[in-house]
């Protein structure tokens, strides 16, 4: 569950990083609407760590999760312990 502090940090990051940083999906919307965690919270990552997140549009966020092999190669996903 997201805390109000996490929500405020996420909003702050998106306010500064307004454009999709992945630009990988054919239908990329260019405008970032969410943050993608390279290393998931379940594996020790943090949604509030700016070095762990990229600002993405919905289409690119879906593409990252639908294409894990390419996403690891491009640095959109990180392996645990690497």
C-alpha atoms as a PDB file:
ATOM      1  CA  UNK A   1       0.000   0.000   0.000  1.00  0.00           C
ATOM      2  CA  UNK A   2       1.251   3.446  -0.933  1.00  0.00           C
ATOM      3  CA  UNK A   3       1.665   6.009   1.836  1.00  0.00           C
ATOM      4  CA  UNK A   4       0.818   9.680   1.439  1.00  0.00           C
ATOM      5  CA  UNK A   5       4.560  10.452   1.626  1.00  0.00           C
ATOM      6  CA  UNK A   6       5.247   8.024  -1.253  1.00  0.00           C
ATOM      7  CA  UNK A   7       2.418   9.552  -3.245  1.00  0.00           C
ATOM      8  CA  UNK A   8       3.810  13.055  -2.740  1.00  0.00           C
ATOM      9  CA  UNK A   9       7.299  11.947  -3.793  1.00  0.00           C
ATOM     10  CA  UNK A  10       5.945  10.208  -6.883  1.00  0.00           C
ATOM     11  CA  UNK A  11       3.979  13.301  -7.878  1.00  0.00           C
ATOM     12  CA  UNK A  12       7.074  15.438  -7.367  1.00  0.00           C
ATOM     13  CA  UNK A  13       9.178  13.157  -9.567  1.00  0.00           C
ATOM     14  CA  UNK A  14       6.545  13.149 -12.323  1.00  0.00           C
ATOM     15  CA  UNK A  15       6.236  16.934 -12.140  1.00  0.00           C
ATOM     16  CA  UNK A  16       9.965  17.230 -12.899  1.00  0.00           C
ATOM     17  CA  UNK A  17      10.257  14.340 -15.321  1.00  0.00           C
ATOM     18  CA  UNK A  18       7.221  14.965 -17.495  1.00  0.00           C
ATOM     19  CA  UNK A  19       8.252  13.103 -20.640  1.00  0.00           C
ATOM     20  CA  UNK A  20       8.336   9.365 -21.233  1.00  0.00           C
ATOM     21  CA  UNK A  21      11.892   8.203 -20.657  1.00  0.00           C
ATOM     22  CA  UNK A  22      11.420   4.813 -22.315  1.00  0.00           C
ATOM     23  CA  UNK A  23      10.011   5.811 -25.718  1.00  0.00           C
ATOM     24  CA  UNK A  24       9.949   2.168 -26.714  1.00  0.00           C
ATOM     25  CA  UNK A  25       6.315   1.340 -27.527  1.00  0.00           C
ATOM     26  CA  UNK A  26       5.096   2.022 -31.070  1.00  0.00           C
ATOM     27  CA  UNK A  27       2.197   4.014 -29.587  1.00  0.00           C
ATOM     28  CA  UNK A  28       4.261   5.960 -27.028  1.00  0.00           C
ATOM     29  CA  UNK A  29       2.230   8.924 -25.822  1.00  0.00           C
ATOM     30  CA  UNK A  30       5.399  10.932 -24.998  1.00  0.00           C
ATOM     31  CA  UNK A  31       3.857  12.340 -21.784  1.00  0.00           C
ATOM     32  CA  UNK A  32       4.801  10.390 -18.644  1.00  0.00           C
ATOM     33  CA  UNK A  33       1.873   9.373 -16.448  1.00  0.00           C
ATOM     34  CA  UNK A  34       3.487   6.888 -14.065  1.00  0.00           C
ATOM     35  CA  UNK A  35       6.771   5.682 -12.633  1.00  0.00           C
ATOM     36  CA  UNK A  36       8.249   2.305 -13.479  1.00  0.00           C
ATOM     37  CA  UNK A  37      10.563   0.647 -10.960  1.00  0.00           C
ATOM     38  CA  UNK A  38      13.620  -0.945 -12.532  1.00  0.00           C
ATOM     39  CA  UNK A  39      14.062  -3.069  -9.412  1.00  0.00           C
ATOM     40  CA  UNK A  40      10.645  -3.883  -7.885  1.00  0.00           C
ATOM     41  CA  UNK A  41       9.870  -3.132  -4.252  1.00  0.00           C
ATOM     42  CA  UNK A  42       9.359  -6.857  -3.728  1.00  0.00           C
ATOM     43  CA  UNK A  43      13.059  -7.301  -4.521  1.00  0.00           C
ATOM     44  CA  UNK A  44      14.423  -4.371  -2.530  1.00  0.00           C
ATOM     45  CA  UNK A  45      13.751  -1.491  -4.907  1.00  0.00           C
ATOM     46  CA  UNK A  46      11.958   1.705  -3.966  1.00  0.00           C
ATOM     47  CA  UNK A  47       9.369   3.716  -5.875  1.00  0.00           C
ATOM     48  CA  UNK A  48      10.735   6.852  -4.187  1.00  0.00           C
ATOM     49  CA  UNK A  49      14.359   6.257  -5.263  1.00  0.00           C
ATOM     50  CA  UNK A  50      14.871   8.454  -8.321  1.00  0.00           C
ATOM     51  CA  UNK A  51      17.734   6.246  -9.507  1.00  0.00           C
ATOM     52  CA  UNK A  52      15.397   3.228  -9.480  1.00  0.00           C
ATOM     53  CA  UNK A  53      12.501   4.717 -11.435  1.00  0.00           C
ATOM     54  CA  UNK A  54      11.841   5.945 -14.928  1.00  0.00           C
ATOM     55  CA  UNK A  55       8.918   8.153 -15.873  1.00  0.00           C
ATOM     56  CA  UNK A  56       6.849   6.451 -18.571  1.00  0.00           C
ATOM     57  CA  UNK A  57       3.619   6.679 -20.511  1.00  0.00           C
ATOM     58  CA  UNK A  58       1.088   3.867 -20.123  1.00  0.00           C
ATOM     59  CA  UNK A  59       1.925   2.299 -23.487  1.00  0.00           C
ATOM     60  CA  UNK A  60       5.648   2.063 -22.704  1.00  0.00           C
ATOM     61  CA  UNK A  61       4.956   0.780 -19.189  1.00  0.00           C
ATOM     62  CA  UNK A  62       2.875  -2.038 -20.675  1.00  0.00           C
ATOM     63  CA  UNK A  63       5.555  -2.729 -23.297  1.00  0.00           C
ATOM     64  CA  UNK A  64       8.263  -3.037 -20.618  1.00  0.00           C
ATOM     65  CA  UNK A  65       6.291  -5.714 -18.754  1.00  0.00           C
ATOM     66  CA  UNK A  66       5.240  -7.504 -21.951  1.00  0.00           C
ATOM     67  CA  UNK A  67       8.843  -7.716 -23.235  1.00  0.00           C
ATOM     68  CA  UNK A  68      11.035  -8.578 -20.230  1.00  0.00           C
ATOM     69  CA  UNK A  69      14.044  -9.865 -22.202  1.00  0.00           C
ATOM     70  CA  UNK A  70      14.361  -6.649 -24.205  1.00  0.00           C
ATOM     71  CA  UNK A  71      13.588  -4.562 -21.114  1.00  0.00           C
ATOM     72  CA  UNK A  72      16.487  -6.144 -19.195  1.00  0.00           C
ATOM     73  CA  UNK A  73      18.792  -5.465 -22.164  1.00  0.00           C
ATOM     74  CA  UNK A  74      17.718  -1.826 -22.354  1.00  0.00           C
ATOM     75  CA  UNK A  75      17.971  -1.292 -18.599  1.00  0.00           C
ATOM     76  CA  UNK A  76      14.256  -0.848 -17.972  1.00  0.00           C
ATOM     77  CA  UNK A  77      14.364  -3.855 -15.622  1.00  0.00           C
ATOM     78  CA  UNK A  78      17.124  -4.894 -13.229  1.00  0.00           C
ATOM     79  CA  UNK A  79      17.892  -8.346 -11.967  1.00  0.00           C
ATOM     80  CA  UNK A  80      18.045  -8.997  -8.250  1.00  0.00           C
ATOM     81  CA  UNK A  81      21.590  -9.093  -6.874  1.00  0.00           C
ATOM     82  CA  UNK A  82      23.216  -7.516  -9.934  1.00  0.00           C
END
